[in-house]
Amino acid sequence: MATWRFLTTSTLSALPANLGQEDSLDPERILRILRVLPDRARETFLAQYRRAADGARDPAGWKHVQRFLRLWAGRAISANRPGFYEARARPHRDRVKPYP
């Protein structure tokens, strides 16, 4: 069972502190990720989750599902930070200084 401690920056967040560390076999984990994800990311998450779950019919595929859910839990946290989508939309040259 997940412990619901909250992450804070300058305000209180509804994100659990261990969002990316739960047992990947917990069906509630997928629902928690979906609740935290912004609307614009849910379709992508669900499409990719379905592909990962299809690949997990073989027990060897479970490691991929676990990695996939850890990745998306991190994305859910990042996507809720102010400026996340704006930073992703900026051209790469604005984020990285070229080598002289």
C-alpha atoms as a PDB file:
ATOM      1  CA  MET A   1       0.000   0.000   0.000  1.00  0.00           C
ATOM      2  CA  ALA A   2       1.336   3.446  -0.900  1.00  0.00           C
ATOM      3  CA  THR A   3       2.048   6.026   1.751  1.00  0.00           C
ATOM      4  CA  TRP A   4       0.560   9.361   0.739  1.00  0.00           C
ATOM      5  CA  ARG A   5       3.093  11.989   1.691  1.00  0.00           C
ATOM      6  CA  PHE A   6       2.879  15.104  -0.394  1.00  0.00           C
ATOM      7  CA  LEU A   7       5.586  16.810  -2.417  1.00  0.00           C
ATOM      8  CA  THR A   8       5.920  20.518  -1.901  1.00  0.00           C
ATOM      9  CA  THR A   9       7.662  23.331  -3.647  1.00  0.00           C
ATOM     10  CA  SER A  10       6.034  26.575  -2.673  1.00  0.00           C
ATOM     11  CA  THR A  11       2.535  25.098  -2.552  1.00  0.00           C
ATOM     12  CA  LEU A  12       1.001  21.785  -1.561  1.00  0.00           C
ATOM     13  CA  SER A  13       0.717  19.210  -4.338  1.00  0.00           C
ATOM     14  CA  ALA A  14      -1.660  16.282  -4.670  1.00  0.00           C
ATOM     15  CA  LEU A  15       1.169  13.994  -5.797  1.00  0.00           C
ATOM     16  CA  PRO A  16       2.314  11.156  -3.536  1.00  0.00           C
ATOM     17  CA  ALA A  17       6.014  11.239  -2.685  1.00  0.00           C
ATOM     18  CA  ASN A  18       6.488   7.650  -3.852  1.00  0.00           C
ATOM     19  CA  LEU A  19       4.522   7.864  -7.122  1.00  0.00           C
ATOM     20  CA  GLY A  20       7.277   6.225  -9.155  1.00  0.00           C
ATOM     21  CA  GLN A  21       8.287   3.598  -6.592  1.00  0.00           C
ATOM     22  CA  GLU A  22       5.148   1.559  -5.962  1.00  0.00           C
ATOM     23  CA  ASP A  23       4.712  -2.085  -6.833  1.00  0.00           C
ATOM     24  CA  SER A  24       4.001  -2.169 -10.570  1.00  0.00           C
ATOM     25  CA  LEU A  25       1.552  -5.050 -10.111  1.00  0.00           C
ATOM     26  CA  ASP A  26      -0.760  -2.791  -8.085  1.00  0.00           C
ATOM     27  CA  PRO A  27      -3.730  -2.007 -10.372  1.00  0.00           C
ATOM     28  CA  GLU A  28      -4.269   1.248  -8.513  1.00  0.00           C
ATOM     29  CA  ARG A  29      -0.895   2.476  -9.760  1.00  0.00           C
ATOM     30  CA  ILE A  30      -2.183   2.977 -13.294  1.00  0.00           C
ATOM     31  CA  LEU A  31      -5.215   4.850 -11.981  1.00  0.00           C
ATOM     32  CA  ARG A  32      -3.005   7.101  -9.825  1.00  0.00           C
ATOM     33  CA  ILE A  33      -0.819   7.944 -12.816  1.00  0.00           C
ATOM     34  CA  LEU A  34      -3.921   8.729 -14.877  1.00  0.00           C
ATOM     35  CA  ARG A  35      -5.332  10.977 -12.137  1.00  0.00           C
ATOM     36  CA  VAL A  36      -2.092  12.953 -11.944  1.00  0.00           C
ATOM     37  CA  LEU A  37      -1.418  13.218 -15.686  1.00  0.00           C
ATOM     38  CA  PRO A  38      -2.655  16.337 -17.453  1.00  0.00           C
ATOM     39  CA  ASP A  39      -5.453  15.672 -19.969  1.00  0.00           C
ATOM     40  CA  ARG A  40      -3.148  16.220 -22.934  1.00  0.00           C
ATOM     41  CA  ALA A  41      -0.917  13.281 -21.914  1.00  0.00           C
ATOM     42  CA  ARG A  42      -3.563  10.676 -21.052  1.00  0.00           C
ATOM     43  CA  GLU A  43      -4.232   9.423 -24.591  1.00  0.00           C
ATOM     44  CA  THR A  44      -0.517   8.880 -25.200  1.00  0.00           C
ATOM     45  CA  PHE A  45      -0.099   7.106 -21.863  1.00  0.00           C
ATOM     46  CA  LEU A  46      -3.038   4.774 -22.505  1.00  0.00           C
ATOM     47  CA  ALA A  47      -1.906   3.892 -26.041  1.00  0.00           C
ATOM     48  CA  GLN A  48       1.635   3.140 -24.860  1.00  0.00           C
ATOM     49  CA  TYR A  49       0.366   1.247 -21.805  1.00  0.00           C
ATOM     50  CA  ARG A  50      -1.777  -1.012 -24.000  1.00  0.00           C
ATOM     51  CA  ARG A  51       1.272  -1.850 -26.135  1.00  0.00           C
ATOM     52  CA  ALA A  52       3.398  -2.546 -23.045  1.00  0.00           C
ATOM     53  CA  ALA A  53       0.653  -4.702 -21.491  1.00  0.00           C
ATOM     54  CA  ASP A  54       0.298  -6.691 -24.721  1.00  0.00           C
ATOM     55  CA  GLY A  55       4.031  -7.394 -24.603  1.00  0.00           C
ATOM     56  CA  ALA A  56       3.757  -8.519 -20.989  1.00  0.00           C
ATOM     57  CA  ARG A  57       1.720 -11.622 -21.782  1.00  0.00           C
ATOM     58  CA  ASP A  58       5.067 -13.372 -21.599  1.00  0.00           C
ATOM     59  CA  PRO A  59       6.428 -13.076 -18.013  1.00  0.00           C
ATOM     60  CA  ALA A  60       9.695 -11.698 -19.409  1.00  0.00           C
ATOM     61  CA  GLY A  61       7.734  -8.645 -20.564  1.00  0.00           C
ATOM     62  CA  TRP A  62       6.867  -7.591 -17.002  1.00  0.00           C
ATOM     63  CA  LYS A  63      10.210  -5.838 -16.577  1.00  0.00           C
ATOM     64  CA  HIS A  64       9.287  -3.618 -19.507  1.00  0.00           C
ATOM     65  CA  VAL A  65       5.904  -2.800 -17.923  1.00  0.00           C
ATOM     66  CA  GLN A  66       7.593  -1.966 -14.622  1.00  0.00           C
ATOM     67  CA  ARG A  67      10.074   0.323 -16.369  1.00  0.00           C
ATOM     68  CA  PHE A  68       7.276   1.880 -18.434  1.00  0.00           C
ATOM     69  CA  LEU A  69       5.210   2.691 -15.327  1.00  0.00           C
ATOM     70  CA  ARG A  70       8.219   4.158 -13.486  1.00  0.00           C
ATOM     71  CA  LEU A  71       8.940   6.362 -16.496  1.00  0.00           C
ATOM     72  CA  TRP A  72       5.351   7.583 -16.745  1.00  0.00           C
ATOM     73  CA  ALA A  73       5.100   8.200 -13.006  1.00  0.00           C
ATOM     74  CA  GLY A  74       8.074  10.540 -13.382  1.00  0.00           C
ATOM     75  CA  ARG A  75       6.511  12.177 -16.415  1.00  0.00           C
ATOM     76  CA  ALA A  76       3.293  12.733 -14.474  1.00  0.00           C
ATOM     77  CA  ILE A  77       5.215  14.548 -11.761  1.00  0.00           C
ATOM     78  CA  SER A  78       7.192  16.613 -14.283  1.00  0.00           C
ATOM     79  CA  ALA A  79       4.155  17.500 -16.391  1.00  0.00           C
ATOM     80  CA  ASN A  80       2.522  19.096 -13.357  1.00  0.00           C
ATOM     81  CA  ARG A  81       5.381  21.520 -12.841  1.00  0.00           C
ATOM     82  CA  PRO A  82       4.783  25.045 -14.102  1.00  0.00           C
ATOM     83  CA  GLY A  83       6.364  25.649 -17.500  1.00  0.00           C
ATOM     84  CA  PHE A  84       6.904  21.959 -18.358  1.00  0.00           C
ATOM     85  CA  TYR A  85       5.144  22.008 -21.730  1.00  0.00           C
ATOM     86  CA  GLU A  86       6.498  25.445 -22.601  1.00  0.00           C
ATOM     87  CA  ALA A  87      10.060  24.251 -21.973  1.00  0.00           C
ATOM     88  CA  ARG A  88       9.474  21.183 -24.149  1.00  0.00           C
ATOM     89  CA  ALA A  89       8.097  23.364 -26.940  1.00  0.00           C
ATOM     90  CA  ARG A  90      11.168  25.618 -27.034  1.00  0.00           C
ATOM     91  CA  PRO A  91      13.668  24.747 -29.745  1.00  0.00           C
ATOM     92  CA  HIS A  92      16.600  22.720 -28.504  1.00  0.00           C
ATOM     93  CA  ARG A  93      19.070  25.475 -29.430  1.00  0.00           C
ATOM     94  CA  ASP A  94      17.486  27.728 -26.786  1.00  0.00           C
ATOM     95  CA  ARG A  95      18.093  25.163 -24.036  1.00  0.00           C
ATOM     96  CA  VAL A  96      21.657  24.095 -24.782  1.00  0.00           C
ATOM     97  CA  LYS A  97      24.563  26.422 -25.495  1.00  0.00           C
ATOM     98  CA  PRO A  98      26.524  25.333 -28.563  1.00  0.00           C
ATOM     99  CA  TYR A  99      30.101  24.213 -28.148  1.00  0.00           C
ATOM    100  CA  PRO A 100      32.487  27.070 -29.190  1.00  0.00           C
END
